[in-house]
PDB file of N, CA and C in Angstrom:
ATOM      1  N   UNK A   1      85.656 122.884 119.498  1.00  0.00           N
ATOM      2  CA  UNK A   1      85.291 122.173 120.501  1.00  0.00           C
ATOM      3  C   UNK A   1      85.893 120.628 120.353  1.00  0.00           C
ATOM      4  N   UNK A   2      86.098 120.222 121.360  1.00  0.00           N
ATOM      5  CA  UNK A   2      86.664 118.567 121.367  1.00  0.00           C
ATOM      6  C   UNK A   2      85.620 117.847 122.083  1.00  0.00           C
ATOM      7  N   UNK A   3      85.155 116.692 121.061  1.00  0.00           N
ATOM      8  CA  UNK A   3      84.301 115.616 121.818  1.00  0.00           C
ATOM      9  C   UNK A   3      85.043 114.456 121.761  1.00  0.00           C
ATOM     10  N   UNK A   4      84.654 113.511 122.664  1.00  0.00           N
ATOM     11  CA  UNK A   4      84.867 111.938 122.337  1.00  0.00           C
ATOM     12  C   UNK A   4      83.737 111.371 121.702  1.00  0.00           C
ATOM     13  N   UNK A   5      83.760 111.029 120.607  1.00  0.00           N
ATOM     14  CA  UNK A   5      82.818 110.572 119.806  1.00  0.00           C
ATOM     15  C   UNK A   5      83.013 108.885 119.612  1.00  0.00           C
ATOM     16  N   UNK A   6      82.206 108.298 120.081  1.00  0.00           N
ATOM     17  CA  UNK A   6      82.231 106.789 120.056  1.00  0.00           C
ATOM     18  C   UNK A   6      83.789 106.238 120.287  1.00  0.00           C
ATOM     19  N   UNK A   7      84.413 107.031 121.324  1.00  0.00           N
ATOM     20  CA  UNK A   7      85.729 106.460 121.758  1.00  0.00           C
ATOM     21  C   UNK A   7      86.865 107.096 121.083  1.00  0.00           C
ATOM     22  N   UNK A   8      86.539 108.009 120.088  1.00  0.00           N
ATOM     23  CA  UNK A   8      87.459 108.818 119.382  1.00  0.00           C
ATOM     24  C   UNK A   8      87.527 110.364 119.565  1.00  0.00           C
ATOM     25  N   UNK A   9      88.739 110.817 119.822  1.00  0.00           N
ATOM     26  CA  UNK A   9      88.438 112.365 120.094  1.00  0.00           C
ATOM     27  C   UNK A   9      88.565 113.063 118.618  1.00  0.00           C
ATOM     28  N   UNK A  10      87.586 113.950 118.680  1.00  0.00           N
ATOM     29  CA  UNK A  10      87.287 114.621 117.370  1.00  0.00           C
ATOM     30  C   UNK A  10      87.005 116.024 117.743  1.00  0.00           C
ATOM     31  N   UNK A  11      87.378 117.203 116.812  1.00  0.00           N
ATOM     32  CA  UNK A  11      87.318 118.530 117.010  1.00  0.00           C
ATOM     33  C   UNK A  11      86.131 118.932 116.127  1.00  0.00           C
ATOM     34  N   UNK A  12      85.122 119.650 116.501  1.00  0.00           N
ATOM     35  CA  UNK A  12      83.997 120.494 115.775  1.00  0.00           C
ATOM     36  C   UNK A  12      84.024 121.884 116.047  1.00  0.00           C
ATOM     37  N   UNK A  13      83.340 122.581 115.134  1.00  0.00           N
ATOM     38  CA  UNK A  13      83.218 123.844 115.034  1.00  0.00           C
ATOM     39  C   UNK A  13      81.706 124.206 114.631  1.00  0.00           C
ATOM     40  N   UNK A  14      81.059 125.138 115.371  1.00  0.00           N
ATOM     41  CA  UNK A  14      79.804 125.308 115.024  1.00  0.00           C
ATOM     42  C   UNK A  14      78.807 124.403 115.506  1.00  0.00           C
ATOM     43  N   UNK A  15      79.180 123.474 116.368  1.00  0.00           N
ATOM     44  CA  UNK A  15      78.155 122.563 116.926  1.00  0.00           C
ATOM     45  C   UNK A  15      78.029 122.866 118.407  1.00  0.00           C
ATOM     46  N   UNK A  16      76.921 123.314 118.707  1.00  0.00           N
ATOM     47  CA  UNK A  16      76.625 123.754 120.246  1.00  0.00           C
ATOM     48  C   UNK A  16      75.349 122.942 120.839  1.00  0.00           C
ATOM     49  N   UNK A  17      74.764 122.081 119.947  1.00  0.00           N
ATOM     50  CA  UNK A  17      73.657 121.213 120.652  1.00  0.00           C
ATOM     51  C   UNK A  17      73.828 119.905 119.940  1.00  0.00           C
ATOM     52  N   UNK A  18      73.059 118.875 120.448  1.00  0.00           N
ATOM     53  CA  UNK A  18      73.086 117.456 119.810  1.00  0.00           C
ATOM     54  C   UNK A  18      72.549 117.472 118.403  1.00  0.00           C
ATOM     55  N   UNK A  19      71.608 118.193 118.098  1.00  0.00           N
ATOM     56  CA  UNK A  19      71.027 118.262 116.883  1.00  0.00           C
ATOM     57  C   UNK A  19      71.995 118.857 115.608  1.00  0.00           C
ATOM     58  N   UNK A  20      72.841 119.856 116.142  1.00  0.00           N
ATOM     59  CA  UNK A  20      73.855 120.330 115.036  1.00  0.00           C
ATOM     60  C   UNK A  20      74.698 119.218 114.962  1.00  0.00           C
ATOM     61  N   UNK A  21      75.198 118.445 115.979  1.00  0.00           N
ATOM     62  CA  UNK A  21      76.240 117.540 115.658  1.00  0.00           C
ATOM     63  C   UNK A  21      75.678 116.426 114.729  1.00  0.00           C
ATOM     64  N   UNK A  22      74.427 115.979 114.885  1.00  0.00           N
ATOM     65  CA  UNK A  22      73.864 114.875 114.073  1.00  0.00           C
ATOM     66  C   UNK A  22      73.799 115.530 112.602  1.00  0.00           C
ATOM     67  N   UNK A  23      73.362 116.694 112.333  1.00  0.00           N
ATOM     68  CA  UNK A  23      73.565 117.332 111.099  1.00  0.00           C
ATOM     69  C   UNK A  23      75.138 117.366 110.674  1.00  0.00           C
ATOM     70  N   UNK A  24      75.991 117.696 111.344  1.00  0.00           N
ATOM     71  CA  UNK A  24      77.319 117.901 111.103  1.00  0.00           C
ATOM     72  C   UNK A  24      77.946 116.494 110.688  1.00  0.00           C
ATOM     73  N   UNK A  25      77.305 115.394 111.097  1.00  0.00           N
ATOM     74  CA  UNK A  25      77.956 114.111 110.859  1.00  0.00           C
ATOM     75  C   UNK A  25      77.191 113.523 109.671  1.00  0.00           C
ATOM     76  N   UNK A  26      76.142 114.176 109.257  1.00  0.00           N
ATOM     77  CA  UNK A  26      75.282 113.822 107.880  1.00  0.00           C
ATOM     78  C   UNK A  26      74.394 112.463 108.488  1.00  0.00           C
ATOM     79  N   UNK A  27      73.977 112.517 109.665  1.00  0.00           N
ATOM     80  CA  UNK A  27      73.097 111.263 110.062  1.00  0.00           C
ATOM     81  C   UNK A  27      71.649 111.640 110.192  1.00  0.00           C
ATOM     82  N   UNK A  28      70.987 110.737 109.894  1.00  0.00           N
ATOM     83  CA  UNK A  28      69.390 110.957 110.023  1.00  0.00           C
ATOM     84  C   UNK A  28      68.938 110.634 111.549  1.00  0.00           C
ATOM     85  N   UNK A  29      68.591 111.702 112.240  1.00  0.00           N
ATOM     86  CA  UNK A  29      68.289 111.873 113.670  1.00  0.00           C
ATOM     87  C   UNK A  29      67.222 110.755 113.934  1.00  0.00           C
ATOM     88  N   UNK A  30      66.431 110.323 113.008  1.00  0.00           N
ATOM     89  CA  UNK A  30      65.446 109.293 113.480  1.00  0.00           C
ATOM     90  C   UNK A  30      65.956 107.880 113.524  1.00  0.00           C
ATOM     91  N   UNK A  31      67.147 107.831 113.114  1.00  0.00           N
ATOM     92  CA  UNK A  31      67.748 106.352 112.866  1.00  0.00           C
ATOM     93  C   UNK A  31      68.908 106.280 113.984  1.00  0.00           C
ATOM     94  N   UNK A  32      69.019 107.127 114.874  1.00  0.00           N
ATOM     95  CA  UNK A  32      70.244 107.078 115.830  1.00  0.00           C
ATOM     96  C   UNK A  32      69.723 107.090 117.245  1.00  0.00           C
ATOM     97  N   UNK A  33      70.486 106.541 118.091  1.00  0.00           N
ATOM     98  CA  UNK A  33      70.388 106.667 119.622  1.00  0.00           C
ATOM     99  C   UNK A  33      71.523 107.527 120.184  1.00  0.00           C
ATOM    100  N   UNK A  34      71.490 108.094 120.967  1.00  0.00           N
ATOM    101  CA  UNK A  34      72.667 109.085 121.390  1.00  0.00           C
ATOM    102  C   UNK A  34      72.750 109.189 123.035  1.00  0.00           C
ATOM    103  N   UNK A  35      73.866 108.971 123.308  1.00  0.00           N
ATOM    104  CA  UNK A  35      74.205 108.774 124.969  1.00  0.00           C
ATOM    105  C   UNK A  35      75.214 110.160 125.213  1.00  0.00           C
ATOM    106  N   UNK A  36      74.959 110.884 126.054  1.00  0.00           N
ATOM    107  CA  UNK A  36      75.861 111.974 126.329  1.00  0.00           C
ATOM    108  C   UNK A  36      76.388 111.974 127.690  1.00  0.00           C
ATOM    109  N   UNK A  37      77.603 111.737 127.869  1.00  0.00           N
ATOM    110  CA  UNK A  37      77.874 111.602 129.235  1.00  0.00           C
ATOM    111  C   UNK A  37      77.369 110.721 130.042  1.00  0.00           C
ATOM    112  N   UNK A  38      77.221 109.346 129.398  1.00  0.00           N
ATOM    113  CA  UNK A  38      76.664 108.238 130.095  1.00  0.00           C
ATOM    114  C   UNK A  38      75.167 108.415 130.286  1.00  0.00           C
ATOM    115  N   UNK A  39      74.526 109.375 129.733  1.00  0.00           N
ATOM    116  CA  UNK A  39      73.062 109.376 129.800  1.00  0.00           C
ATOM    117  C   UNK A  39      72.240 109.488 128.278  1.00  0.00           C
ATOM    118  N   UNK A  40      71.408 108.677 128.292  1.00  0.00           N
ATOM    119  CA  UNK A  40      70.811 108.533 127.012  1.00  0.00           C
ATOM    120  C   UNK A  40      69.939 109.824 126.864  1.00  0.00           C
ATOM    121  N   UNK A  41      69.893 110.233 125.729  1.00  0.00           N
ATOM    122  CA  UNK A  41      69.394 111.576 125.401  1.00  0.00           C
ATOM    123  C   UNK A  41      68.006 111.253 124.529  1.00  0.00           C
ATOM    124  N   UNK A  42      66.750 111.694 124.783  1.00  0.00           N
ATOM    125  CA  UNK A  42      65.671 111.516 124.169  1.00  0.00           C
ATOM    126  C   UNK A  42      65.794 112.276 122.831  1.00  0.00           C
ATOM    127  N   UNK A  43      65.229 111.814 121.631  1.00  0.00           N
ATOM    128  CA  UNK A  43      65.450 112.444 120.510  1.00  0.00           C
ATOM    129  C   UNK A  43      64.741 113.808 120.498  1.00  0.00           C
ATOM    130  N   UNK A  44      63.697 113.888 121.244  1.00  0.00           N
ATOM    131  CA  UNK A  44      62.968 115.268 121.527  1.00  0.00           C
ATOM    132  C   UNK A  44      63.943 116.174 122.159  1.00  0.00           C
ATOM    133  N   UNK A  45      64.865 115.989 122.636  1.00  0.00           N
ATOM    134  CA  UNK A  45      65.726 116.827 123.420  1.00  0.00           C
ATOM    135  C   UNK A  45      67.127 117.059 122.595  1.00  0.00           C
ATOM    136  N   UNK A  46      67.271 116.843 121.385  1.00  0.00           N
ATOM    137  CA  UNK A  46      68.455 116.966 120.855  1.00  0.00           C
ATOM    138  C   UNK A  46      68.598 118.491 120.575  1.00  0.00           C
ATOM    139  N   UNK A  47      67.476 119.173 120.338  1.00  0.00           N
ATOM    140  CA  UNK A  47      67.706 120.688 119.918  1.00  0.00           C
ATOM    141  C   UNK A  47      68.168 121.296 121.504  1.00  0.00           C
ATOM    142  N   UNK A  48      67.676 120.923 122.627  1.00  0.00           N
ATOM    143  CA  UNK A  48      67.754 121.400 123.877  1.00  0.00           C
ATOM    144  C   UNK A  48      68.913 120.904 124.597  1.00  0.00           C
ATOM    145  N   UNK A  49      69.785 120.169 124.141  1.00  0.00           N
ATOM    146  CA  UNK A  49      70.912 119.256 124.702  1.00  0.00           C
ATOM    147  C   UNK A  49      72.085 120.044 124.351  1.00  0.00           C
ATOM    148  N   UNK A  50      72.738 121.054 125.116  1.00  0.00           N
ATOM    149  CA  UNK A  50      73.979 121.743 124.763  1.00  0.00           C
ATOM    150  C   UNK A  50      75.100 120.765 124.658  1.00  0.00           C
ATOM    151  N   UNK A  51      76.221 121.092 124.132  1.00  0.00           N
ATOM    152  CA  UNK A  51      77.585 120.130 123.921  1.00  0.00           C
ATOM    153  C   UNK A  51      78.291 121.272 124.759  1.00  0.00           C
ATOM    154  N   UNK A  52      79.352 120.683 125.430  1.00  0.00           N
ATOM    155  CA  UNK A  52      80.443 121.235 126.071  1.00  0.00           C
ATOM    156  C   UNK A  52      81.752 120.571 125.617  1.00  0.00           C
ATOM    157  N   UNK A  53      82.712 121.219 125.880  1.00  0.00           N
ATOM    158  CA  UNK A  53      84.210 120.842 125.417  1.00  0.00           C
ATOM    159  C   UNK A  53      84.444 119.692 126.333  1.00  0.00           C
ATOM    160  N   UNK A  54      84.689 118.517 125.917  1.00  0.00           N
ATOM    161  CA  UNK A  54      85.119 117.195 126.722  1.00  0.00           C
ATOM    162  C   UNK A  54      84.028 116.438 126.718  1.00  0.00           C
ATOM    163  N   UNK A  55      82.920 116.641 126.231  1.00  0.00           N
ATOM    164  CA  UNK A  55      81.733 115.586 126.449  1.00  0.00           C
ATOM    165  C   UNK A  55      82.196 114.431 125.741  1.00  0.00           C
ATOM    166  N   UNK A  56      81.494 113.290 126.269  1.00  0.00           N
ATOM    167  CA  UNK A  56      81.637 111.980 125.821  1.00  0.00           C
ATOM    168  C   UNK A  56      80.358 111.489 124.988  1.00  0.00           C
ATOM    169  N   UNK A  57      80.408 111.291 123.768  1.00  0.00           N
ATOM    170  CA  UNK A  57      79.162 111.005 122.848  1.00  0.00           C
ATOM    171  C   UNK A  57      79.353 109.699 122.435  1.00  0.00           C
ATOM    172  N   UNK A  58      78.354 108.902 122.667  1.00  0.00           N
ATOM    173  CA  UNK A  58      78.206 107.636 121.957  1.00  0.00           C
ATOM    174  C   UNK A  58      76.899 107.773 120.931  1.00  0.00           C
ATOM    175  N   UNK A  59      77.029 107.211 119.823  1.00  0.00           N
ATOM    176  CA  UNK A  59      76.080 107.068 118.938  1.00  0.00           C
ATOM    177  C   UNK A  59      75.892 105.902 118.287  1.00  0.00           C
ATOM    178  N   UNK A  60      74.718 105.289 118.236  1.00  0.00           N
ATOM    179  CA  UNK A  60      74.301 103.976 117.738  1.00  0.00           C
ATOM    180  C   UNK A  60      73.460 104.269 116.572  1.00  0.00           C
ATOM    181  N   UNK A  61      73.736 103.523 115.541  1.00  0.00           N
ATOM    182  CA  UNK A  61      72.962 103.565 114.287  1.00  0.00           C
ATOM    183  C   UNK A  61      71.913 102.440 114.198  1.00  0.00           C
ATOM    184  N   UNK A  62      70.709 102.674 113.957  1.00  0.00           N
ATOM    185  CA  UNK A  62      69.689 101.690 113.734  1.00  0.00           C
ATOM    186  C   UNK A  62      69.806 101.110 112.314  1.00  0.00           C
ATOM    187  N   UNK A  63      70.021  99.700 112.178  1.00  0.00           N
ATOM    188  CA  UNK A  63      69.901  99.245 110.712  1.00  0.00           C
ATOM    189  C   UNK A  63      68.830  98.215 110.396  1.00  0.00           C
ATOM    190  N   UNK A  64      67.835  98.553 109.491  1.00  0.00           N
ATOM    191  CA  UNK A  64      66.990  97.525 109.208  1.00  0.00           C
ATOM    192  C   UNK A  64      67.432  96.453 108.408  1.00  0.00           C
ATOM    193  N   UNK A  65      66.607  95.318 108.359  1.00  0.00           N
ATOM    194  CA  UNK A  65      66.975  94.289 107.415  1.00  0.00           C
ATOM    195  C   UNK A  65      66.148  92.990 107.752  1.00  0.00           C
ATOM    196  N   UNK A  66      66.415  92.050 106.742  1.00  0.00           N
ATOM    197  CA  UNK A  66      65.718  90.756 107.001  1.00  0.00           C
ATOM    198  C   UNK A  66      66.410  89.424 107.107  1.00  0.00           C
TER     199      UNK A  66
END
């Protein structure tokens, strides 16, 4: 499957929903916000949000600090 991830075209296999994508990227799902095709996806819906070839995904990482 080909996705546009933060403006970069990337290929993935075995990634059928957002939770699997987060895992494949090695991210902590509690510290990211995800937009799929211009719509923000609630964290509670990552497992239920299917990915399709050509989807545009934007991921923002939260960084703490002082």
